[in-house]
Amino acid sequence: MSKWALLSNHGVTLLCLADKPEATTRELSTYLGMTERSVQRIISQLHSASYIRKEKVGRRNRYEVNHKMPIGHPLKQDKTVRHLLAELTS
């Protein structure tokens, strides 16, 4: 039987960044079971789409999730990232 998940890799990466804003791509890739390159690509896409902001702190990045962004599903157009995070982290 093939494995699948209810949340996309983008969704779980966003959740992790909300919980661990100073995590490195290596730490995230280990935790999420993805390649470092995949995590870098997802972070870049989330940043380009304004779902996260990136700030350089010394040699590391610090990420801030934009809670006002829509979750991007046609059936839940009125819900934001704030709603999603609240439901999944409570």
N, C-alpha and C. Protein backbone atom coordinates (compact mmCIF):
# COMPACT_ATOMS: atom_id res chain seq x y z
N MET A 1 0.85 -1.18 0.00
CA MET A 1 0.00 0.00 0.00
C MET A 1 0.89 1.24 0.00
N SER A 2 0.56 2.22 -0.83
CA SER A 2 1.35 3.45 -0.89
C SER A 2 0.98 4.38 0.27
N LYS A 3 1.97 5.15 0.70
CA LYS A 3 1.74 6.11 1.79
C LYS A 3 1.33 7.44 1.20
N TRP A 4 0.42 8.10 1.86
CA TRP A 4 0.01 9.44 1.45
C TRP A 4 -0.34 10.22 2.70
N ALA A 5 -0.45 11.52 2.58
CA ALA A 5 -0.72 12.39 3.72
C ALA A 5 -1.80 13.39 3.36
N LEU A 6 -2.50 13.86 4.37
CA LEU A 6 -3.56 14.85 4.15
C LEU A 6 -3.00 16.24 3.89
N LEU A 7 -1.80 16.50 4.38
CA LEU A 7 -1.18 17.81 4.17
C LEU A 7 -0.05 17.69 3.15
N SER A 8 0.07 18.71 2.30
CA SER A 8 1.14 18.74 1.31
C SER A 8 2.47 19.06 1.99
N ASN A 9 3.55 18.86 1.26
CA ASN A 9 4.87 19.22 1.77
C ASN A 9 4.96 20.71 2.06
N HIS A 10 4.28 21.53 1.27
CA HIS A 10 4.25 22.97 1.52
C HIS A 10 3.56 23.25 2.85
N GLY A 11 2.46 22.56 3.11
CA GLY A 11 1.72 22.76 4.35
C GLY A 11 2.51 22.37 5.58
N VAL A 12 3.17 21.22 5.54
CA VAL A 12 3.93 20.80 6.72
C VAL A 12 5.18 21.66 6.90
N THR A 13 5.77 22.13 5.82
CA THR A 13 6.91 23.03 5.94
C THR A 13 6.48 24.34 6.59
N LEU A 14 5.34 24.86 6.17
CA LEU A 14 4.80 26.09 6.77
C LEU A 14 4.53 25.88 8.26
N LEU A 15 3.96 24.76 8.62
CA LEU A 15 3.71 24.44 10.04
C LEU A 15 5.01 24.41 10.83
N CYS A 16 6.03 23.79 10.27
CA CYS A 16 7.32 23.71 10.96
C CYS A 16 7.95 25.08 11.12
N LEU A 17 7.86 25.91 10.08
CA LEU A 17 8.44 27.25 10.18
C LEU A 17 7.70 28.11 11.20
N ALA A 18 6.40 27.89 11.34
CA ALA A 18 5.63 28.62 12.36
C ALA A 18 6.08 28.21 13.75
N ASP A 19 6.42 26.93 13.90
CA ASP A 19 6.83 26.39 15.20
C ASP A 19 8.30 26.63 15.50
N LYS A 20 9.13 26.57 14.46
CA LYS A 20 10.59 26.70 14.62
C LYS A 20 11.12 27.70 13.60
N PRO A 21 10.91 29.00 13.84
CA PRO A 21 11.26 30.02 12.84
C PRO A 21 12.75 30.14 12.55
N GLU A 22 13.60 29.58 13.39
CA GLU A 22 15.04 29.69 13.17
C GLU A 22 15.65 28.37 12.70
N ALA A 23 14.82 27.41 12.34
CA ALA A 23 15.32 26.11 11.87
C ALA A 23 16.06 26.27 10.54
N THR A 24 17.10 25.49 10.38
CA THR A 24 17.83 25.49 9.11
C THR A 24 17.14 24.53 8.14
N THR A 25 17.49 24.66 6.87
CA THR A 25 16.92 23.73 5.89
C THR A 25 17.36 22.30 6.18
N ARG A 26 18.55 22.13 6.68
CA ARG A 26 19.01 20.78 7.05
C ARG A 26 18.17 20.21 8.19
N GLU A 27 17.92 21.02 9.21
CA GLU A 27 17.08 20.56 10.33
C GLU A 27 15.67 20.22 9.85
N LEU A 28 15.12 21.09 9.00
CA LEU A 28 13.77 20.84 8.49
C LEU A 28 13.72 19.59 7.62
N SER A 29 14.73 19.40 6.79
CA SER A 29 14.73 18.23 5.91
C SER A 29 14.81 16.94 6.72
N THR A 30 15.60 16.93 7.76
CA THR A 30 15.69 15.76 8.63
C THR A 30 14.37 15.49 9.32
N TYR A 31 13.78 16.53 9.87
CA TYR A 31 12.51 16.40 10.59
C TYR A 31 11.37 15.97 9.66
N LEU A 32 11.32 16.54 8.46
CA LEU A 32 10.22 16.28 7.54
C LEU A 32 10.44 15.06 6.63
N GLY A 33 11.66 14.55 6.60
CA GLY A 33 11.94 13.40 5.75
C GLY A 33 11.98 13.75 4.27
N MET A 34 12.45 14.95 3.99
CA MET A 34 12.58 15.41 2.60
C MET A 34 14.05 15.76 2.36
N THR A 35 14.40 15.91 1.10
CA THR A 35 15.77 16.34 0.81
C THR A 35 15.91 17.82 1.16
N GLU A 36 17.14 18.20 1.41
CA GLU A 36 17.43 19.60 1.71
C GLU A 36 17.04 20.49 0.53
N ARG A 37 17.30 20.02 -0.66
CA ARG A 37 16.97 20.78 -1.87
C ARG A 37 15.46 20.98 -1.98
N SER A 38 14.67 19.96 -1.65
CA SER A 38 13.20 20.09 -1.69
C SER A 38 12.73 21.14 -0.69
N VAL A 39 13.31 21.12 0.49
CA VAL A 39 12.93 22.10 1.51
C VAL A 39 13.30 23.51 1.05
N GLN A 40 14.48 23.67 0.45
CA GLN A 40 14.90 24.97 -0.06
C GLN A 40 13.93 25.47 -1.13
N ARG A 41 13.52 24.57 -2.02
CA ARG A 41 12.58 24.94 -3.09
C ARG A 41 11.24 25.36 -2.50
N ILE A 42 10.73 24.61 -1.54
CA ILE A 42 9.44 24.94 -0.92
C ILE A 42 9.53 26.27 -0.18
N ILE A 43 10.60 26.49 0.57
CA ILE A 43 10.77 27.76 1.28
C ILE A 43 10.82 28.91 0.28
N SER A 44 11.52 28.73 -0.82
CA SER A 44 11.59 29.76 -1.85
C SER A 44 10.20 30.05 -2.43
N GLN A 45 9.43 29.02 -2.68
CA GLN A 45 8.08 29.21 -3.21
C GLN A 45 7.16 29.87 -2.19
N LEU A 46 7.25 29.47 -0.93
CA LEU A 46 6.43 30.11 0.11
C LEU A 46 6.82 31.58 0.25
N HIS A 47 8.10 31.87 0.16
CA HIS A 47 8.58 33.26 0.26
C HIS A 47 8.11 34.08 -0.95
N SER A 48 8.24 33.53 -2.14
CA SER A 48 7.82 34.24 -3.36
C SER A 48 6.32 34.53 -3.36
N ALA A 49 5.55 33.64 -2.76
CA ALA A 49 4.10 33.80 -2.70
C ALA A 49 3.65 34.60 -1.48
N SER A 50 4.59 35.13 -0.70
CA SER A 50 4.34 35.96 0.49
C SER A 50 3.72 35.20 1.67
N TYR A 51 3.88 33.89 1.70
CA TYR A 51 3.39 33.12 2.85
C TYR A 51 4.36 33.20 4.02
N ILE A 52 5.63 33.49 3.72
CA ILE A 52 6.62 33.69 4.77
C ILE A 52 7.50 34.88 4.42
N ARG A 53 8.06 35.49 5.46
CA ARG A 53 9.07 36.52 5.29
C ARG A 53 10.38 35.93 5.81
N LYS A 54 11.47 36.33 5.21
CA LYS A 54 12.78 35.80 5.57
C LYS A 54 13.67 36.95 6.00
N GLU A 55 14.31 36.78 7.16
CA GLU A 55 15.21 37.81 7.67
C GLU A 55 16.54 37.14 8.00
N LYS A 56 17.61 37.76 7.56
CA LYS A 56 18.94 37.24 7.84
C LYS A 56 19.34 37.71 9.24
N VAL A 57 19.70 36.74 10.09
CA VAL A 57 20.17 37.04 11.45
C VAL A 57 21.53 36.37 11.59
N GLY A 58 22.56 37.18 11.48
CA GLY A 58 23.90 36.60 11.48
C GLY A 58 24.09 35.76 10.23
N ARG A 59 24.45 34.49 10.42
CA ARG A 59 24.65 33.58 9.29
C ARG A 59 23.41 32.74 9.01
N ARG A 60 22.36 32.94 9.79
CA ARG A 60 21.16 32.10 9.66
C ARG A 60 19.98 32.94 9.18
N ASN A 61 18.95 32.24 8.77
CA ASN A 61 17.69 32.90 8.41
C ASN A 61 16.68 32.71 9.53
N ARG A 62 15.83 33.69 9.68
CA ARG A 62 14.69 33.59 10.60
C ARG A 62 13.47 33.81 9.74
N TYR A 63 12.47 32.95 9.92
CA TYR A 63 11.28 32.99 9.10
C TYR A 63 10.09 33.46 9.92
N GLU A 64 9.24 34.23 9.28
CA GLU A 64 8.00 34.68 9.92
C GLU A 64 6.85 34.34 8.98
N VAL A 65 5.87 33.61 9.50
CA VAL A 65 4.72 33.20 8.72
C VAL A 65 3.75 34.37 8.61
N ASN A 66 3.23 34.62 7.41
CA ASN A 66 2.23 35.65 7.18
C ASN A 66 0.85 35.03 7.44
N HIS A 67 0.31 35.30 8.60
CA HIS A 67 -0.95 34.69 9.03
C HIS A 67 -2.18 35.19 8.27
N LYS A 68 -2.03 36.26 7.52
CA LYS A 68 -3.18 36.84 6.81
C LYS A 68 -3.41 36.24 5.42
N MET A 69 -2.48 35.40 4.96
CA MET A 69 -2.61 34.82 3.62
C MET A 69 -3.74 33.78 3.58
N PRO A 70 -4.42 33.68 2.45
CA PRO A 70 -5.47 32.66 2.32
C PRO A 70 -4.84 31.27 2.27
N ILE A 71 -5.62 30.25 2.67
CA ILE A 71 -5.05 28.90 2.63
C ILE A 71 -5.04 28.34 1.22
N GLY A 72 -5.71 28.98 0.30
CA GLY A 72 -5.57 28.62 -1.11
C GLY A 72 -6.43 27.46 -1.58
N HIS A 73 -7.54 27.23 -0.93
CA HIS A 73 -8.44 26.18 -1.39
C HIS A 73 -9.79 26.80 -1.72
N PRO A 74 -10.36 26.47 -2.90
CA PRO A 74 -11.61 27.10 -3.32
C PRO A 74 -12.78 26.91 -2.34
N LEU A 75 -12.80 25.80 -1.62
CA LEU A 75 -13.90 25.56 -0.67
C LEU A 75 -13.74 26.33 0.64
N LYS A 76 -12.55 26.85 0.88
CA LYS A 76 -12.28 27.58 2.12
C LYS A 76 -11.67 28.95 1.83
N GLN A 77 -12.30 29.68 0.92
CA GLN A 77 -11.76 30.97 0.49
C GLN A 77 -11.75 32.01 1.62
N ASP A 78 -12.59 31.82 2.63
CA ASP A 78 -12.65 32.79 3.72
C ASP A 78 -11.67 32.49 4.84
N LYS A 79 -10.92 31.41 4.73
CA LYS A 79 -9.99 31.00 5.79
C LYS A 79 -8.57 31.43 5.46
N THR A 80 -7.82 31.78 6.50
CA THR A 80 -6.44 32.23 6.34
C THR A 80 -5.48 31.22 6.97
N VAL A 81 -4.21 31.48 6.79
CA VAL A 81 -3.18 30.65 7.42
C VAL A 81 -3.36 30.67 8.94
N ARG A 82 -3.78 31.79 9.49
CA ARG A 82 -4.02 31.86 10.94
C ARG A 82 -5.04 30.80 11.38
N HIS A 83 -6.13 30.65 10.61
CA HIS A 83 -7.14 29.63 10.93
C HIS A 83 -6.54 28.23 10.87
N LEU A 84 -5.77 27.96 9.83
CA LEU A 84 -5.17 26.65 9.64
C LEU A 84 -4.22 26.31 10.79
N LEU A 85 -3.34 27.24 11.11
CA LEU A 85 -2.38 27.01 12.18
C LEU A 85 -3.07 26.83 13.52
N ALA A 86 -4.10 27.61 13.76
CA ALA A 86 -4.85 27.49 15.02
C ALA A 86 -5.46 26.10 15.16
N GLU A 87 -6.03 25.60 14.08
CA GLU A 87 -6.66 24.28 14.12
C GLU A 87 -5.64 23.16 14.29
N LEU A 88 -4.52 23.28 13.61
CA LEU A 88 -3.55 22.20 13.62
C LEU A 88 -2.58 22.22 14.79
N THR A 89 -2.52 23.32 15.51
CA THR A 89 -1.59 23.41 16.63
C THR A 89 -2.30 23.45 17.98
N SER A 90 -3.60 23.34 17.98
CA SER A 90 -4.33 23.40 19.27
C SER A 90 -4.42 22.04 19.91
